[in-house]
Amino acid sequence: MRTGGVDMHEREAKGILSPKNGMNIYRGCTHGCIYCDSRSTCYQMQHDFEDVEVKINAAQLLEKALRGKRKKCMIGTGAMSDPYTHEEGRRGLTRRCLKLIEHYGFGLSIQTKSDMILRDLDLLKKINRNTKCVVQMTLTTYDEDLCKILEPNVCTTKRRVEVLNIMKEEGIPTIVWLTPILPFINDTEENINGLLNDCIHSGVYGIINFGMGLTLRDGDRQYYYRQLDKHFPGLKRQYMKRYGYAYEIPSPNSEKLYRIFKNTCEKNGILYNTKALFEYMSTLKEEEKEEQLKLF
């Protein structure tokens, strides 16, 4: 199927929730981020990454799964494919799934780079009022012009920060993914400090960072290097000389930048322990209260 100039793949999935209650309604993405790990061949996509696969029966599968659960829990989405890829604007499958999550009294942890999430603010507010909603937003690049190169087909950092501020106003907790940081491109003190200042002013609950660098696997690496050749001539040669075909690509400034990150988080009361943040995103408000009571 072809829509809006992009090939689409409709599929009836057999299941929707992972063992840890995560779901991906779409497979592939049209945001065009030059570094996306989901392009890697290990994920065995059978078509171009931009040819988004749509699980057309996602809502039906989710309703069946939620009805069958004995205990309420947090439902996660956005880990492998953004729930607000361009196709969502036409399909509305994410919104249908959020309605079910709200209707059946489950919590939500949702990750995106898109301001399309504001379309569903009414549902996010209801979920957060009744159970718990955590909005995760990826920020990598403070400079707007550079952001348009690295993440060309989605709203820029400035707009994403506006989304974070709106969530703050509505009392919805937010977590920022400060990753990846690309060597020789956005691995500067200016970039990290700019993003951290935005996080402070937006009142984010926590920031996830796996180290100042990125990872490159087969499939992802080739696409990334083609984009380096296109936008940063000569930089691929520098990467190959320093990193070869390594999976982990740390910035030469990684230790200094991580110290800035760690110190800023501690100074401003922003949680940055990755394990604790993932626990927070998988724990309902009621479960948090129960744990607090146990301490007393």
Protein backbone atom coordinates (compact mmCIF):
# COMPACT_ATOMS: atom_id res chain seq x y z
CA MET A 1 0.00 0.00 0.00
CA ARG A 2 1.24 3.51 -0.80
CA THR A 3 0.09 6.65 1.00
CA GLY A 4 1.44 10.20 1.05
CA GLY A 5 4.33 9.21 -1.22
CA VAL A 6 5.53 6.50 1.19
CA ASP A 7 5.01 2.73 0.92
CA MET A 8 3.06 1.31 3.84
CA HIS A 9 2.86 -2.26 5.10
CA GLU A 10 -0.34 -3.32 6.81
CA ARG A 11 -0.09 -6.37 9.02
CA GLU A 12 -2.34 -8.23 11.39
CA ALA A 13 -0.16 -8.94 14.41
CA LYS A 14 -0.56 -11.97 16.67
CA GLY A 15 0.17 -10.05 19.85
CA ILE A 16 0.78 -6.47 21.01
CA LEU A 17 2.25 -6.49 24.54
CA SER A 18 5.74 -7.69 25.40
CA PRO A 19 6.42 -9.63 28.64
CA LYS A 20 7.26 -6.25 30.24
CA ASN A 21 4.04 -4.64 28.94
CA GLY A 22 5.61 -2.63 26.15
CA MET A 23 4.00 -2.21 22.74
CA ASN A 24 4.93 -0.91 19.32
CA ILE A 25 1.99 -0.05 17.09
CA TYR A 26 4.23 0.87 14.17
CA ARG A 27 7.50 -0.59 12.90
CA GLY A 28 9.89 1.73 11.12
CA CYS A 29 9.76 5.52 11.17
CA THR A 30 9.64 8.60 8.95
CA HIS A 31 11.36 11.05 11.32
CA GLY A 32 14.62 10.54 9.43
CA CYS A 33 17.00 10.73 12.43
CA ILE A 34 20.44 9.95 11.02
CA TYR A 35 21.56 7.82 13.99
CA CYS A 36 18.51 5.61 14.67
CA ASP A 37 19.46 2.19 16.08
CA SER A 38 16.11 0.75 14.98
CA ARG A 39 17.50 0.67 11.42
CA SER A 40 19.91 -2.08 12.46
CA THR A 41 19.67 -5.34 10.51
CA CYS A 42 19.37 -7.35 13.76
CA TYR A 43 15.72 -6.25 13.93
CA GLN A 44 15.10 -8.08 10.64
CA MET A 45 12.86 -5.60 8.87
CA GLN A 46 11.87 -6.98 5.49
CA HIS A 47 11.47 -3.58 3.81
CA ASP A 48 12.93 -0.06 3.89
CA PHE A 49 12.87 1.55 7.32
CA GLU A 50 10.78 4.49 6.06
CA ASP A 51 8.14 2.07 4.71
CA VAL A 52 6.35 1.96 8.03
CA GLU A 53 4.67 -1.27 9.01
CA VAL A 54 1.27 -0.77 10.64
CA LYS A 55 -0.23 -3.27 13.05
CA ILE A 56 -3.79 -2.63 11.92
CA ASN A 57 -5.32 -4.76 14.67
CA ALA A 58 -3.29 -3.13 17.47
CA ALA A 59 -6.30 -1.72 19.30
CA GLN A 60 -8.21 -5.00 19.23
CA LEU A 61 -5.17 -6.89 20.52
CA LEU A 62 -4.56 -4.34 23.26
CA GLU A 63 -8.15 -4.44 24.47
CA LYS A 64 -8.02 -8.23 24.68
CA ALA A 65 -4.71 -8.07 26.57
CA LEU A 66 -5.93 -5.43 29.05
CA ARG A 67 -9.15 -7.31 29.73
CA GLY A 68 -7.14 -10.42 30.49
CA LYS A 69 -4.82 -8.84 33.05
CA ARG A 70 -5.54 -9.56 36.70
CA LYS A 71 -3.59 -6.57 37.94
CA LYS A 72 -3.29 -3.00 36.66
CA CYS A 73 0.16 -1.94 35.45
CA MET A 74 2.03 0.62 33.38
CA ILE A 75 1.85 0.17 29.60
CA GLY A 76 4.89 1.44 27.70
CA THR A 77 5.19 2.52 24.08
CA GLY A 78 7.78 4.22 21.89
CA ALA A 79 10.90 2.22 22.71
CA MET A 80 11.45 0.86 19.19
CA SER A 81 9.18 2.98 17.01
CA ASP A 82 7.80 6.43 17.72
CA PRO A 83 4.04 6.19 18.39
CA TYR A 84 3.66 9.54 16.62
CA THR A 85 5.26 8.75 13.30
CA HIS A 86 3.61 10.57 10.37
CA GLU A 87 1.28 7.66 9.69
CA GLU A 88 -0.33 8.16 13.10
CA GLY A 89 -1.78 11.44 11.83
CA ARG A 90 -3.77 9.42 9.29
CA ARG A 91 -4.45 6.25 11.27
CA GLY A 92 -4.99 7.41 14.84
CA LEU A 93 -4.04 3.99 16.21
CA THR A 94 -2.01 5.41 19.08
CA ARG A 95 -4.97 7.51 20.18
CA ARG A 96 -7.27 4.50 20.02
CA CYS A 97 -4.85 2.57 22.22
CA LEU A 98 -4.57 5.43 24.71
CA LYS A 99 -8.36 5.51 24.99
CA LEU A 100 -8.29 1.82 25.92
CA ILE A 101 -5.53 2.32 28.47
CA GLU A 102 -7.56 5.11 30.08
CA HIS A 103 -10.83 3.19 29.89
CA TYR A 104 -9.46 0.07 31.58
CA GLY A 105 -7.57 2.02 34.27
CA PHE A 106 -3.96 1.27 33.29
CA GLY A 107 -0.97 3.60 33.48
CA LEU A 108 1.10 4.87 30.56
CA SER A 109 4.75 5.54 29.83
CA ILE A 110 5.09 7.01 26.35
CA GLN A 111 8.23 8.07 24.45
CA THR A 112 8.35 10.36 21.41
CA LYS A 113 10.15 13.16 19.57
CA SER A 114 6.93 14.56 18.11
CA ASP A 115 4.67 17.39 19.22
CA MET A 116 1.76 15.35 17.83
CA ILE A 117 1.51 14.02 21.37
CA LEU A 118 -0.30 17.25 22.26
CA ARG A 119 -3.25 16.02 20.20
CA ASP A 120 -3.78 13.43 22.93
CA LEU A 121 -3.24 15.72 25.90
CA ASP A 122 -6.82 15.17 27.05
CA LEU A 123 -6.20 11.43 27.39
CA LEU A 124 -2.77 11.87 28.99
CA LYS A 125 -4.32 14.11 31.66
CA LYS A 126 -7.07 11.58 32.41
CA ILE A 127 -4.61 8.70 32.65
CA ASN A 128 -2.33 10.67 34.93
CA ARG A 129 -5.23 11.73 37.15
CA ASN A 130 -6.58 8.20 37.51
CA THR A 131 -3.40 6.09 37.48
CA LYS A 132 -0.14 7.52 36.17
CA CYS A 133 1.25 8.94 32.93
CA VAL A 134 4.92 9.59 32.20
CA VAL A 135 5.89 11.42 29.00
CA GLN A 136 9.39 10.80 27.69
CA MET A 137 10.93 13.18 25.17
CA THR A 138 14.25 12.75 23.37
CA LEU A 139 16.56 15.80 23.23
CA THR A 140 19.94 15.59 21.51
CA THR A 141 20.73 18.93 19.91
CA TYR A 142 20.34 22.44 21.31
CA ASP A 143 21.24 24.20 18.07
CA GLU A 144 18.10 24.37 15.91
CA ASP A 145 19.86 24.32 12.55
CA LEU A 146 21.93 21.29 13.52
CA CYS A 147 18.83 19.59 14.90
CA LYS A 148 17.15 19.92 11.49
CA ILE A 149 20.06 17.99 9.96
CA LEU A 150 20.22 15.24 12.57
CA GLU A 151 16.44 14.82 13.03
CA PRO A 152 15.04 16.30 9.81
CA ASN A 153 11.40 15.22 9.66
CA VAL A 154 10.16 15.90 13.17
CA CYS A 155 9.77 19.00 15.31
CA THR A 156 12.99 20.54 16.61
CA THR A 157 14.29 20.71 20.17
CA LYS A 158 12.71 24.11 20.83
CA ARG A 159 9.24 22.73 20.13
CA ARG A 160 9.88 19.58 22.15
CA VAL A 161 10.84 21.75 25.11
CA GLU A 162 7.54 23.59 24.67
CA VAL A 163 5.83 20.20 24.93
CA LEU A 164 7.73 19.48 28.16
CA ASN A 165 6.59 22.82 29.57
CA ILE A 166 2.96 22.08 28.68
CA MET A 167 3.22 18.71 30.43
CA LYS A 168 4.68 20.46 33.47
CA GLU A 169 1.73 22.88 33.54
CA GLU A 170 -0.67 19.94 33.41
CA GLY A 171 1.10 18.08 36.22
CA ILE A 172 2.28 15.24 33.99
CA PRO A 173 5.78 13.99 34.93
CA THR A 174 8.41 14.01 32.18
CA ILE A 175 11.67 12.21 31.52
CA VAL A 176 14.20 13.30 28.90
CA TRP A 177 16.39 10.93 26.90
CA LEU A 178 19.65 12.85 26.46
CA THR A 179 21.00 10.48 23.86
CA PRO A 180 22.73 9.92 21.53
CA ILE A 181 25.55 12.43 21.65
CA LEU A 182 27.44 12.26 18.35
CA PRO A 183 31.25 12.58 18.40
CA PHE A 184 32.56 15.71 16.64
CA ILE A 185 28.98 16.89 15.97
CA ASN A 186 26.99 17.69 19.11
CA ASP A 187 29.45 16.54 21.81
CA THR A 188 30.17 20.04 23.11
CA GLU A 189 29.79 21.67 26.51
CA GLU A 190 27.58 24.31 24.90
CA ASN A 191 25.19 21.66 23.60
CA ILE A 192 25.00 19.70 26.85
CA ASN A 193 24.58 22.80 29.00
CA GLY A 194 21.90 24.17 26.68
CA LEU A 195 19.88 20.97 26.83
CA LEU A 196 20.31 20.64 30.59
CA ASN A 197 19.13 24.22 31.14
CA ASP A 198 16.01 23.42 29.13
CA CYS A 199 15.44 20.36 31.30
CA ILE A 200 15.82 22.40 34.49
CA HIS A 201 13.38 25.09 33.35
CA SER A 202 10.89 22.44 32.19
CA GLY A 203 10.96 20.73 35.59
CA VAL A 204 11.72 17.27 34.24
CA TYR A 205 11.59 14.42 36.75
CA GLY A 206 14.66 12.68 35.33
CA ILE A 207 17.14 12.39 32.49
CA ILE A 208 18.32 9.16 30.90
CA ASN A 209 21.83 9.06 29.49
CA PHE A 210 23.86 5.97 28.62
CA GLY A 211 27.15 7.83 28.25
CA MET A 212 28.22 10.62 25.93
CA GLY A 213 28.38 8.87 22.58
CA LEU A 214 26.33 6.54 20.40
CA THR A 215 26.18 2.94 19.28
CA LEU A 216 26.43 1.73 15.69
CA ARG A 217 25.37 -1.68 14.42
CA ASP A 218 25.17 -3.16 10.96
CA GLY A 219 22.50 -1.37 8.96
CA ASP A 220 22.45 1.64 11.24
CA ARG A 221 26.18 2.22 10.68
CA GLN A 222 25.93 2.30 6.90
CA TYR A 223 23.02 4.75 6.92
CA TYR A 224 24.77 6.98 9.47
CA TYR A 225 27.95 7.10 7.45
CA ARG A 226 26.04 8.00 4.28
CA GLN A 227 24.53 10.91 6.17
CA LEU A 228 27.95 11.99 7.41
CA ASP A 229 29.19 12.03 3.82
CA LYS A 230 26.18 14.11 2.83
CA HIS A 231 26.20 16.67 5.65
CA PHE A 232 29.69 16.51 7.20
CA PRO A 233 32.20 15.73 4.41
CA GLY A 234 35.38 14.08 5.69
CA LEU A 235 33.93 13.12 9.07
CA LYS A 236 33.36 9.48 8.13
CA ARG A 237 37.10 9.09 7.59
CA GLN A 238 37.72 10.49 11.07
CA TYR A 239 35.22 8.02 12.56
CA MET A 240 36.75 5.05 10.76
CA LYS A 241 40.23 5.99 11.88
CA ARG A 242 39.24 6.36 15.53
CA TYR A 243 36.49 3.73 15.94
CA GLY A 244 36.67 1.31 13.03
CA TYR A 245 33.63 -0.98 13.20
CA ALA A 246 33.16 -0.72 16.97
CA TYR A 247 29.68 -0.94 18.45
CA GLU A 248 30.28 1.67 21.14
CA ILE A 249 31.33 5.09 19.82
CA PRO A 250 32.21 7.29 22.82
CA SER A 251 32.88 10.97 22.41
CA PRO A 252 36.50 12.05 23.03
CA ASN A 253 34.90 14.48 25.51
CA SER A 254 32.71 11.82 27.16
CA GLU A 255 34.17 11.96 30.69
CA LYS A 256 34.08 15.75 30.90
CA LEU A 257 30.57 15.96 29.44
CA TYR A 258 29.25 13.25 31.75
CA ARG A 259 30.64 15.09 34.78
CA ILE A 260 28.75 18.20 33.67
CA PHE A 261 25.61 16.10 33.25
CA LYS A 262 25.95 14.36 36.63
CA ASN A 263 26.80 17.52 38.59
CA THR A 264 23.97 19.51 37.00
CA CYS A 265 21.41 16.80 37.77
CA GLU A 266 22.54 16.49 41.38
CA LYS A 267 22.56 20.26 41.88
CA ASN A 268 19.01 20.61 40.55
CA GLY A 269 17.41 17.52 42.05
CA ILE A 270 16.94 15.73 38.72
CA LEU A 271 17.03 11.95 38.91
CA TYR A 272 19.62 10.43 36.55
CA ASN A 273 20.03 6.88 37.84
CA THR A 274 18.87 4.81 34.88
CA LYS A 275 17.68 1.82 36.92
CA ALA A 276 15.64 4.05 39.22
CA LEU A 277 14.09 5.86 36.26
CA PHE A 278 13.02 2.64 34.56
CA GLU A 279 11.52 1.47 37.86
CA TYR A 280 9.63 4.77 38.12
CA MET A 281 8.25 4.35 34.60
CA SER A 282 7.00 0.86 35.40
CA THR A 283 5.40 1.64 38.76
CA LEU A 284 1.84 2.90 39.29
CA LYS A 285 1.09 5.68 41.77
CA GLU A 286 -0.66 3.23 44.09
CA GLU A 287 2.40 0.97 44.10
CA GLU A 288 4.59 3.96 44.93
CA LYS A 289 2.34 4.77 47.91
CA GLU A 290 2.50 1.17 49.10
CA GLU A 291 6.30 1.23 48.98
CA GLN A 292 6.39 4.50 50.93
CA LEU A 293 4.09 3.05 53.60
CA LYS A 294 6.39 0.05 54.00
CA LEU A 295 9.25 2.43 54.83
CA PHE A 296 7.27 3.75 57.79
